[in-house]
Amino acid sequence: MLEKVSALIQKVANMNDLNTIIIVSHDITTTAACADHLWMMGRDRNPDGSIIPGARIVETYDLVERGIAWEPEIMTQSNFLNFVKEVKERFRSL
């Protein structure tokens, strides 16, 4: 099912140069595979360590700049897999 959804998202995105699609997901690998930019959301904490309600963008990744956007079979490429590892490690530190 993930492959079908990814293919559909890519098809819609490529229908027009002006299309913008925003995907909200916890699946970093699949989301990054069909994205050209990735924004990571995180929560802030107050001085006693309690989570402050709400979230904000804490990291921005430009996958075009990294050369890992719109590539066929991207999920098998080592630079993509290294990127996913980097994002997952950053996510754990939030």
PDB file of N, CA and C in Angstrom:
ATOM      1  N   MET A   1       0.814  -1.184   0.000  1.00  0.00           N
ATOM      2  CA  MET A   1       0.000   0.000   0.000  1.00  0.00           C
ATOM      3  C   MET A   1       0.870   1.266   0.000  1.00  0.00           C
ATOM      4  N   LEU A   2       1.994   1.229   0.753  1.00  0.00           N
ATOM      5  CA  LEU A   2       2.875   2.396   0.791  1.00  0.00           C
ATOM      6  C   LEU A   2       3.388   2.764  -0.593  1.00  0.00           C
ATOM      7  N   GLU A   3       3.722   1.755  -1.387  1.00  0.00           N
ATOM      8  CA  GLU A   3       4.210   2.014  -2.745  1.00  0.00           C
ATOM      9  C   GLU A   3       3.139   2.680  -3.595  1.00  0.00           C
ATOM     10  N   LYS A   4       1.886   2.245  -3.448  1.00  0.00           N
ATOM     11  CA  LYS A   4       0.792   2.831  -4.217  1.00  0.00           C
ATOM     12  C   LYS A   4       0.549   4.280  -3.807  1.00  0.00           C
ATOM     13  N   VAL A   5       0.573   4.541  -2.512  1.00  0.00           N
ATOM     14  CA  VAL A   5       0.361   5.913  -2.028  1.00  0.00           C
ATOM     15  C   VAL A   5       1.502   6.810  -2.491  1.00  0.00           C
ATOM     16  N   SER A   6       2.736   6.343  -2.370  1.00  0.00           N
ATOM     17  CA  SER A   6       3.888   7.126  -2.824  1.00  0.00           C
ATOM     18  C   SER A   6       3.801   7.423  -4.313  1.00  0.00           C
ATOM     19  N   ALA A   7       3.426   6.435  -5.091  1.00  0.00           N
ATOM     20  CA  ALA A   7       3.302   6.633  -6.545  1.00  0.00           C
ATOM     21  C   ALA A   7       2.202   7.646  -6.857  1.00  0.00           C
ATOM     22  N   LEU A   8       1.091   7.587  -6.143  1.00  0.00           N
ATOM     23  CA  LEU A   8       0.004   8.535  -6.353  1.00  0.00           C
ATOM     24  C   LEU A   8       0.431   9.957  -5.980  1.00  0.00           C
ATOM     25  N   ILE A   9       1.118  10.103  -4.862  1.00  0.00           N
ATOM     26  CA  ILE A   9       1.604  11.427  -4.447  1.00  0.00           C
ATOM     27  C   ILE A   9       2.556  11.989  -5.498  1.00  0.00           C
ATOM     28  N   GLN A  10       3.470  11.175  -5.981  1.00  0.00           N
ATOM     29  CA  GLN A  10       4.420  11.627  -6.999  1.00  0.00           C
ATOM     30  C   GLN A  10       3.704  11.994  -8.294  1.00  0.00           C
ATOM     31  N   LYS A  11       2.694  11.233  -8.658  1.00  0.00           N
ATOM     32  CA  LYS A  11       1.932  11.517  -9.880  1.00  0.00           C
ATOM     33  C   LYS A  11       1.225  12.868  -9.758  1.00  0.00           C
ATOM     34  N   VAL A  12       0.560  13.104  -8.643  1.00  0.00           N
ATOM     35  CA  VAL A  12      -0.142  14.368  -8.430  1.00  0.00           C
ATOM     36  C   VAL A  12       0.855  15.525  -8.382  1.00  0.00           C
ATOM     37  N   ALA A  13       1.975  15.329  -7.699  1.00  0.00           N
ATOM     38  CA  ALA A  13       2.989  16.385  -7.583  1.00  0.00           C
ATOM     39  C   ALA A  13       3.552  16.761  -8.946  1.00  0.00           C
ATOM     40  N   ASN A  14       3.670  15.811  -9.842  1.00  0.00           N
ATOM     41  CA  ASN A  14       4.267  16.059 -11.153  1.00  0.00           C
ATOM     42  C   ASN A  14       3.257  16.508 -12.213  1.00  0.00           C
ATOM     43  N   MET A  15       1.992  16.639 -11.844  1.00  0.00           N
ATOM     44  CA  MET A  15       0.979  17.077 -12.800  1.00  0.00           C
ATOM     45  C   MET A  15       1.176  18.536 -13.205  1.00  0.00           C
ATOM     46  N   ASN A  16       1.747  19.328 -12.298  1.00  0.00           N
ATOM     47  CA  ASN A  16       1.943  20.748 -12.562  1.00  0.00           C
ATOM     48  C   ASN A  16       3.100  21.238 -11.717  1.00  0.00           C
ATOM     49  N   ASP A  17       3.935  22.078 -12.283  1.00  0.00           N
ATOM     50  CA  ASP A  17       5.086  22.610 -11.545  1.00  0.00           C
ATOM     51  C   ASP A  17       4.684  23.421 -10.325  1.00  0.00           C
ATOM     52  N   LEU A  18       3.471  23.914 -10.289  1.00  0.00           N
ATOM     53  CA  LEU A  18       3.022  24.752  -9.183  1.00  0.00           C
ATOM     54  C   LEU A  18       2.332  23.967  -8.064  1.00  0.00           C
ATOM     55  N   ASN A  19       2.235  22.670  -8.202  1.00  0.00           N
ATOM     56  CA  ASN A  19       1.600  21.863  -7.155  1.00  0.00           C
ATOM     57  C   ASN A  19       2.448  21.845  -5.890  1.00  0.00           C
ATOM     58  N   THR A  20       1.785  21.975  -4.768  1.00  0.00           N
ATOM     59  CA  THR A  20       2.427  21.830  -3.467  1.00  0.00           C
ATOM     60  C   THR A  20       1.628  20.808  -2.675  1.00  0.00           C
ATOM     61  N   ILE A  21       2.316  19.828  -2.150  1.00  0.00           N
ATOM     62  CA  ILE A  21       1.664  18.788  -1.358  1.00  0.00           C
ATOM     63  C   ILE A  21       2.344  18.749   0.000  1.00  0.00           C
ATOM     64  N   ILE A  22       1.552  18.787   1.051  1.00  0.00           N
ATOM     65  CA  ILE A  22       2.095  18.694   2.407  1.00  0.00           C
ATOM     66  C   ILE A  22       1.638  17.368   2.996  1.00  0.00           C
ATOM     67  N   ILE A  23       2.606  16.586   3.436  1.00  0.00           N
ATOM     68  CA  ILE A  23       2.335  15.281   4.032  1.00  0.00           C
ATOM     69  C   ILE A  23       2.747  15.347   5.495  1.00  0.00           C
ATOM     70  N   VAL A  24       1.868  14.922   6.368  1.00  0.00           N
ATOM     71  CA  VAL A  24       2.189  14.833   7.788  1.00  0.00           C
ATOM     72  C   VAL A  24       2.259  13.350   8.126  1.00  0.00           C
ATOM     73  N   SER A  25       3.429  12.925   8.610  1.00  0.00           N
ATOM     74  CA  SER A  25       3.629  11.496   8.837  1.00  0.00           C
ATOM     75  C   SER A  25       4.705  11.259   9.878  1.00  0.00           C
ATOM     76  N   HIS A  26       4.644  10.091  10.511  1.00  0.00           N
ATOM     77  CA  HIS A  26       5.713   9.646  11.395  1.00  0.00           C
ATOM     78  C   HIS A  26       6.627   8.654  10.674  1.00  0.00           C
ATOM     79  N   ASP A  27       6.281   8.304   9.434  1.00  0.00           N
ATOM     80  CA  ASP A  27       7.070   7.359   8.641  1.00  0.00           C
ATOM     81  C   ASP A  27       8.121   8.142   7.856  1.00  0.00           C
ATOM     82  N   ILE A  28       9.287   8.296   8.437  1.00  0.00           N
ATOM     83  CA  ILE A  28      10.336   9.134   7.861  1.00  0.00           C
ATOM     84  C   ILE A  28      10.797   8.599   6.511  1.00  0.00           C
ATOM     85  N   THR A  29      11.010   7.312   6.391  1.00  0.00           N
ATOM     86  CA  THR A  29      11.543   6.734   5.159  1.00  0.00           C
ATOM     87  C   THR A  29      10.614   6.975   3.976  1.00  0.00           C
ATOM     88  N   THR A  30       9.357   6.623   4.116  1.00  0.00           N
ATOM     89  CA  THR A  30       8.406   6.764   3.018  1.00  0.00           C
ATOM     90  C   THR A  30       8.169   8.227   2.677  1.00  0.00           C
ATOM     91  N   THR A  31       8.060   9.057   3.700  1.00  0.00           N
ATOM     92  CA  THR A  31       7.814  10.482   3.466  1.00  0.00           C
ATOM     93  C   THR A  31       9.000  11.116   2.742  1.00  0.00           C
ATOM     94  N   ALA A  32      10.200  10.829   3.188  1.00  0.00           N
ATOM     95  CA  ALA A  32      11.399  11.397   2.562  1.00  0.00           C
ATOM     96  C   ALA A  32      11.565  10.909   1.124  1.00  0.00           C
ATOM     97  N   ALA A  33      11.102   9.697   0.839  1.00  0.00           N
ATOM     98  CA  ALA A  33      11.255   9.133  -0.504  1.00  0.00           C
ATOM     99  C   ALA A  33      10.437   9.887  -1.545  1.00  0.00           C
ATOM    100  N   CYS A  34       9.377  10.564  -1.133  1.00  0.00           N
ATOM    101  CA  CYS A  34       8.563  11.291  -2.115  1.00  0.00           C
ATOM    102  C   CYS A  34       8.565  12.792  -1.851  1.00  0.00           C
ATOM    103  N   ALA A  35       9.569  13.278  -1.120  1.00  0.00           N
ATOM    104  CA  ALA A  35       9.634  14.698  -0.770  1.00  0.00           C
ATOM    105  C   ALA A  35      10.831  15.380  -1.419  1.00  0.00           C
ATOM    106  N   ASP A  36      10.741  16.713  -1.499  1.00  0.00           N
ATOM    107  CA  ASP A  36      11.923  17.478  -1.881  1.00  0.00           C
ATOM    108  C   ASP A  36      12.396  18.349  -0.715  1.00  0.00           C
ATOM    109  N   HIS A  37      11.537  18.539   0.267  1.00  0.00           N
ATOM    110  CA  HIS A  37      11.899  19.221   1.513  1.00  0.00           C
ATOM    111  C   HIS A  37      11.242  18.469   2.662  1.00  0.00           C
ATOM    112  N   LEU A  38      11.906  18.469   3.802  1.00  0.00           N
ATOM    113  CA  LEU A  38      11.367  17.798   4.982  1.00  0.00           C
ATOM    114  C   LEU A  38      11.497  18.757   6.156  1.00  0.00           C
ATOM    115  N   TRP A  39      10.405  18.954   6.860  1.00  0.00           N
ATOM    116  CA  TRP A  39      10.413  19.799   8.057  1.00  0.00           C
ATOM    117  C   TRP A  39      10.102  18.920   9.249  1.00  0.00           C
ATOM    118  N   MET A  40      10.963  18.958  10.239  1.00  0.00           N
ATOM    119  CA  MET A  40      10.772  18.159  11.446  1.00  0.00           C
ATOM    120  C   MET A  40      10.145  19.030  12.521  1.00  0.00           C
ATOM    121  N   MET A  41       9.059  18.532  13.080  1.00  0.00           N
ATOM    122  CA  MET A  41       8.367  19.244  14.148  1.00  0.00           C
ATOM    123  C   MET A  41       8.867  18.726  15.495  1.00  0.00           C
ATOM    124  N   GLY A  42       8.894  19.608  16.469  1.00  0.00           N
ATOM    125  CA  GLY A  42       9.290  19.223  17.818  1.00  0.00           C
ATOM    126  C   GLY A  42       8.626  20.128  18.835  1.00  0.00           C
ATOM    127  N   ARG A  43       8.711  19.731  20.074  1.00  0.00           N
ATOM    128  CA  ARG A  43       8.101  20.500  21.154  1.00  0.00           C
ATOM    129  C   ARG A  43       9.175  21.195  21.964  1.00  0.00           C
ATOM    130  N   ASP A  44       8.802  22.316  22.515  1.00  0.00           N
ATOM    131  CA  ASP A  44       9.692  23.020  23.433  1.00  0.00           C
ATOM    132  C   ASP A  44       9.369  22.573  24.855  1.00  0.00           C
ATOM    133  N   ARG A  45      10.352  22.782  25.735  1.00  0.00           N
ATOM    134  CA  ARG A  45      10.168  22.459  27.150  1.00  0.00           C
ATOM    135  C   ARG A  45      10.426  23.711  27.977  1.00  0.00           C
ATOM    136  N   ASN A  46       9.714  23.819  29.093  1.00  0.00           N
ATOM    137  CA  ASN A  46       9.955  24.951  29.981  1.00  0.00           C
ATOM    138  C   ASN A  46      11.156  24.627  30.883  1.00  0.00           C
ATOM    139  N   PRO A  47      11.612  25.579  31.714  1.00  0.00           N
ATOM    140  CA  PRO A  47      12.824  25.352  32.509  1.00  0.00           C
ATOM    141  C   PRO A  47      12.793  24.124  33.418  1.00  0.00           C
ATOM    142  N   ASP A  48      11.607  23.679  33.850  1.00  0.00           N
ATOM    143  CA  ASP A  48      11.560  22.487  34.703  1.00  0.00           C
ATOM    144  C   ASP A  48      11.490  21.187  33.905  1.00  0.00           C
ATOM    145  N   GLY A  49      11.536  21.297  32.544  1.00  0.00           N
ATOM    146  CA  GLY A  49      11.567  20.106  31.698  1.00  0.00           C
ATOM    147  C   GLY A  49      10.212  19.654  31.199  1.00  0.00           C
ATOM    148  N   SER A  50       9.161  20.308  31.632  1.00  0.00           N
ATOM    149  CA  SER A  50       7.819  19.940  31.169  1.00  0.00           C
ATOM    150  C   SER A  50       7.613  20.399  29.731  1.00  0.00           C
ATOM    151  N   ILE A  51       6.866  19.600  28.979  1.00  0.00           N
ATOM    152  CA  ILE A  51       6.592  19.931  27.576  1.00  0.00           C
ATOM    153  C   ILE A  51       5.602  21.079  27.504  1.00  0.00           C
ATOM    154  N   ILE A  52       5.919  22.053  26.677  1.00  0.00           N
ATOM    155  CA  ILE A  52       5.019  23.171  26.418  1.00  0.00           C
ATOM    156  C   ILE A  52       4.065  22.735  25.307  1.00  0.00           C
ATOM    157  N   PRO A  53       2.758  22.931  25.464  1.00  0.00           N
ATOM    158  CA  PRO A  53       1.800  22.512  24.426  1.00  0.00           C
ATOM    159  C   PRO A  53       2.132  23.127  23.063  1.00  0.00           C
ATOM    160  N   GLY A  54       1.846  22.361  22.032  1.00  0.00           N
ATOM    161  CA  GLY A  54       2.097  22.815  20.671  1.00  0.00           C
ATOM    162  C   GLY A  54       3.421  22.289  20.152  1.00  0.00           C
ATOM    163  N   ALA A  55       3.702  22.610  18.923  1.00  0.00           N
ATOM    164  CA  ALA A  55       4.955  22.166  18.289  1.00  0.00           C
ATOM    165  C   ALA A  55       5.404  23.224  17.298  1.00  0.00           C
ATOM    166  N   ARG A  56       6.662  23.131  16.909  1.00  0.00           N
ATOM    167  CA  ARG A  56       7.219  24.066  15.929  1.00  0.00           C
ATOM    168  C   ARG A  56       8.211  23.318  15.057  1.00  0.00           C
ATOM    169  N   ILE A  57       8.603  23.935  13.960  1.00  0.00           N
ATOM    170  CA  ILE A  57       9.608  23.345  13.080  1.00  0.00           C
ATOM    171  C   ILE A  57      10.966  23.508  13.760  1.00  0.00           C
ATOM    172  N   VAL A  58      11.654  22.379  13.975  1.00  0.00           N
ATOM    173  CA  VAL A  58      12.954  22.419  14.639  1.00  0.00           C
ATOM    174  C   VAL A  58      14.105  22.121  13.677  1.00  0.00           C
ATOM    175  N   GLU A  59      13.808  21.504  12.539  1.00  0.00           N
ATOM    176  CA  GLU A  59      14.829  21.220  11.523  1.00  0.00           C
ATOM    177  C   GLU A  59      14.190  21.328  10.147  1.00  0.00           C
ATOM    178  N   THR A  60      14.954  21.816   9.195  1.00  0.00           N
ATOM    179  CA  THR A  60      14.532  21.876   7.800  1.00  0.00           C
ATOM    180  C   THR A  60      15.603  21.183   6.967  1.00  0.00           C
ATOM    181  N   TYR A  61      15.168  20.252   6.128  1.00  0.00           N
ATOM    182  CA  TYR A  61      16.096  19.514   5.270  1.00  0.00           C
ATOM    183  C   TYR A  61      15.716  19.757   3.811  1.00  0.00           C
ATOM    184  N   ASP A  62      16.680  20.151   2.993  1.00  0.00           N
ATOM    185  CA  ASP A  62      16.481  20.349   1.568  1.00  0.00           C
ATOM    186  C   ASP A  62      17.031  19.115   0.845  1.00  0.00           C
ATOM    187  N   LEU A  63      16.130  18.234   0.430  1.00  0.00           N
ATOM    188  CA  LEU A  63      16.550  16.987  -0.207  1.00  0.00           C
ATOM    189  C   LEU A  63      17.066  17.207  -1.620  1.00  0.00           C
ATOM    190  N   VAL A  64      16.653  18.288  -2.277  1.00  0.00           N
ATOM    191  CA  VAL A  64      17.182  18.624  -3.604  1.00  0.00           C
ATOM    192  C   VAL A  64      18.661  18.971  -3.471  1.00  0.00           C
ATOM    193  N   GLU A  65      18.955  19.818  -2.512  1.00  0.00           N
ATOM    194  CA  GLU A  65      20.344  20.216  -2.270  1.00  0.00           C
ATOM    195  C   GLU A  65      21.233  19.018  -1.946  1.00  0.00           C
ATOM    196  N   ARG A  66      20.665  18.047  -1.253  1.00  0.00           N
ATOM    197  CA  ARG A  66      21.426  16.843  -0.879  1.00  0.00           C
ATOM    198  C   ARG A  66      21.494  15.819  -2.015  1.00  0.00           C
ATOM    199  N   GLY A  67      20.768  16.079  -3.103  1.00  0.00           N
ATOM    200  CA  GLY A  67      20.791  15.173  -4.246  1.00  0.00           C
ATOM    201  C   GLY A  67      19.991  13.897  -4.053  1.00  0.00           C
ATOM    202  N   ILE A  68      18.991  13.949  -3.183  1.00  0.00           N
ATOM    203  CA  ILE A  68      18.193  12.739  -2.921  1.00  0.00           C
ATOM    204  C   ILE A  68      16.702  12.972  -3.126  1.00  0.00           C
ATOM    205  N   ALA A  69      16.359  13.895  -3.998  1.00  0.00           N
ATOM    206  CA  ALA A  69      14.946  14.119  -4.316  1.00  0.00           C
ATOM    207  C   ALA A  69      14.649  13.625  -5.719  1.00  0.00           C
ATOM    208  N   TRP A  70      13.480  13.039  -5.885  1.00  0.00           N
ATOM    209  CA  TRP A  70      12.957  12.642  -7.195  1.00  0.00           C
ATOM    210  C   TRP A  70      13.829  11.605  -7.902  1.00  0.00           C
ATOM    211  N   GLU A  71      14.509  10.781  -7.157  1.00  0.00           N
ATOM    212  CA  GLU A  71      15.365   9.755  -7.758  1.00  0.00           C
ATOM    213  C   GLU A  71      14.617   8.415  -7.798  1.00  0.00           C
ATOM    214  N   PRO A  72      14.685   7.716  -8.929  1.00  0.00           N
ATOM    215  CA  PRO A  72      14.070   6.388  -8.974  1.00  0.00           C
ATOM    216  C   PRO A  72      14.782   5.434  -8.002  1.00  0.00           C
ATOM    217  N   GLU A  73      14.034   4.578  -7.388  1.00  0.00           N
ATOM    218  CA  GLU A  73      14.590   3.594  -6.450  1.00  0.00           C
ATOM    219  C   GLU A  73      15.392   4.258  -5.335  1.00  0.00           C
ATOM    220  N   ILE A  74      14.963   5.432  -4.902  1.00  0.00           N
ATOM    221  CA  ILE A  74      15.703   6.206  -3.898  1.00  0.00           C
ATOM    222  C   ILE A  74      15.882   5.429  -2.589  1.00  0.00           C
ATOM    223  N   MET A  75      14.917   4.608  -2.233  1.00  0.00           N
ATOM    224  CA  MET A  75      14.978   3.903  -0.947  1.00  0.00           C
ATOM    225  C   MET A  75      16.109   2.885  -0.865  1.00  0.00           C
ATOM    226  N   THR A  76      16.750   2.596  -1.980  1.00  0.00           N
ATOM    227  CA  THR A  76      17.849   1.625  -1.979  1.00  0.00           C
ATOM    228  C   THR A  76      19.220   2.293  -2.022  1.00  0.00           C
ATOM    229  N   GLN A  77      19.249   3.612  -2.177  1.00  0.00           N
ATOM    230  CA  GLN A  77      20.526   4.319  -2.321  1.00  0.00           C
ATOM    231  C   GLN A  77      21.133   4.634  -0.947  1.00  0.00           C
ATOM    232  N   SER A  78      22.429   4.446  -0.838  1.00  0.00           N
ATOM    233  CA  SER A  78      23.104   4.610   0.454  1.00  0.00           C
ATOM    234  C   SER A  78      23.018   6.034   0.990  1.00  0.00           C
ATOM    235  N   ASN A  79      23.108   7.047   0.114  1.00  0.00           N
ATOM    236  CA  ASN A  79      23.016   8.420   0.618  1.00  0.00           C
ATOM    237  C   ASN A  79      21.626   8.718   1.177  1.00  0.00           C
ATOM    238  N   PHE A  80      20.593   8.103   0.604  1.00  0.00           N
ATOM    239  CA  PHE A  80      19.236   8.249   1.144  1.00  0.00           C
ATOM    240  C   PHE A  80      19.122   7.540   2.491  1.00  0.00           C
ATOM    241  N   LEU A  81      19.636   6.332   2.575  1.00  0.00           N
ATOM    242  CA  LEU A  81      19.568   5.574   3.823  1.00  0.00           C
ATOM    243  C   LEU A  81      20.337   6.285   4.936  1.00  0.00           C
ATOM    244  N   ASN A  82      21.465   6.899   4.599  1.00  0.00           N
ATOM    245  CA  ASN A  82      22.221   7.679   5.584  1.00  0.00           C
ATOM    246  C   ASN A  82      21.425   8.896   6.042  1.00  0.00           C
ATOM    247  N   PHE A  83      20.716   9.532   5.115  1.00  0.00           N
ATOM    248  CA  PHE A  83      19.874  10.671   5.467  1.00  0.00           C
ATOM    249  C   PHE A  83      18.767  10.248   6.432  1.00  0.00           C
ATOM    250  N   VAL A  84      18.102   9.155   6.142  1.00  0.00           N
ATOM    251  CA  VAL A  84      17.030   8.660   7.014  1.00  0.00           C
ATOM    252  C   VAL A  84      17.583   8.377   8.413  1.00  0.00           C
ATOM    253  N   LYS A  85      18.754   7.778   8.485  1.00  0.00           N
ATOM    254  CA  LYS A  85      19.397   7.520   9.775  1.00  0.00           C
ATOM    255  C   LYS A  85      19.660   8.829  10.517  1.00  0.00           C
ATOM    256  N   GLU A  86      20.167   9.831   9.804  1.00  0.00           N
ATOM    257  CA  GLU A  86      20.431  11.151  10.397  1.00  0.00           C
ATOM    258  C   GLU A  86      19.148  11.756  10.984  1.00  0.00           C
ATOM    259  N   VAL A  87      18.062  11.694  10.225  1.00  0.00           N
ATOM    260  CA  VAL A  87      16.790  12.262  10.676  1.00  0.00           C
ATOM    261  C   VAL A  87      16.266  11.505  11.897  1.00  0.00           C
ATOM    262  N   LYS A  88      16.336  10.199  11.866  1.00  0.00           N
ATOM    263  CA  LYS A  88      15.856   9.398  12.992  1.00  0.00           C
ATOM    264  C   LYS A  88      16.661   9.683  14.262  1.00  0.00           C
ATOM    265  N   GLU A  89      17.968   9.848  14.119  1.00  0.00           N
ATOM    266  CA  GLU A  89      18.804  10.176  15.272  1.00  0.00           C
ATOM    267  C   GLU A  89      18.445  11.550  15.828  1.00  0.00           C
ATOM    268  N   ARG A  90      18.213  12.515  14.936  1.00  0.00           N
ATOM    269  CA  ARG A  90      17.811  13.852  15.378  1.00  0.00           C
ATOM    270  C   ARG A  90      16.462  13.814  16.082  1.00  0.00           C
ATOM    271  N   PHE A  91      15.544  13.018  15.541  1.00  0.00           N
ATOM    272  CA  PHE A  91      14.212  12.894  16.124  1.00  0.00           C
ATOM    273  C   PHE A  91      14.282  12.347  17.545  1.00  0.00           C
ATOM    274  N   ARG A  92      15.166  11.394  17.768  1.00  0.00           N
ATOM    275  CA  ARG A  92      15.308  10.804  19.113  1.00  0.00           C
ATOM    276  C   ARG A  92      15.822  11.834  20.136  1.00  0.00           C
ATOM    277  N   SER A  93      16.519  12.862  19.649  1.00  0.00           N
ATOM    278  CA  SER A  93      17.078  13.858  20.573  1.00  0.00           C
ATOM    279  C   SER A  93      16.076  14.948  20.944  1.00  0.00           C
ATOM    280  N   LEU A  94      14.899  14.923  20.351  1.00  0.00           N
ATOM    281  CA  LEU A  94      13.904  15.973  20.653  1.00  0.00           C
ATOM    282  C   LEU A  94      13.236  15.751  21.989  1.00  0.00           C
TER     283      LEU A  94
END
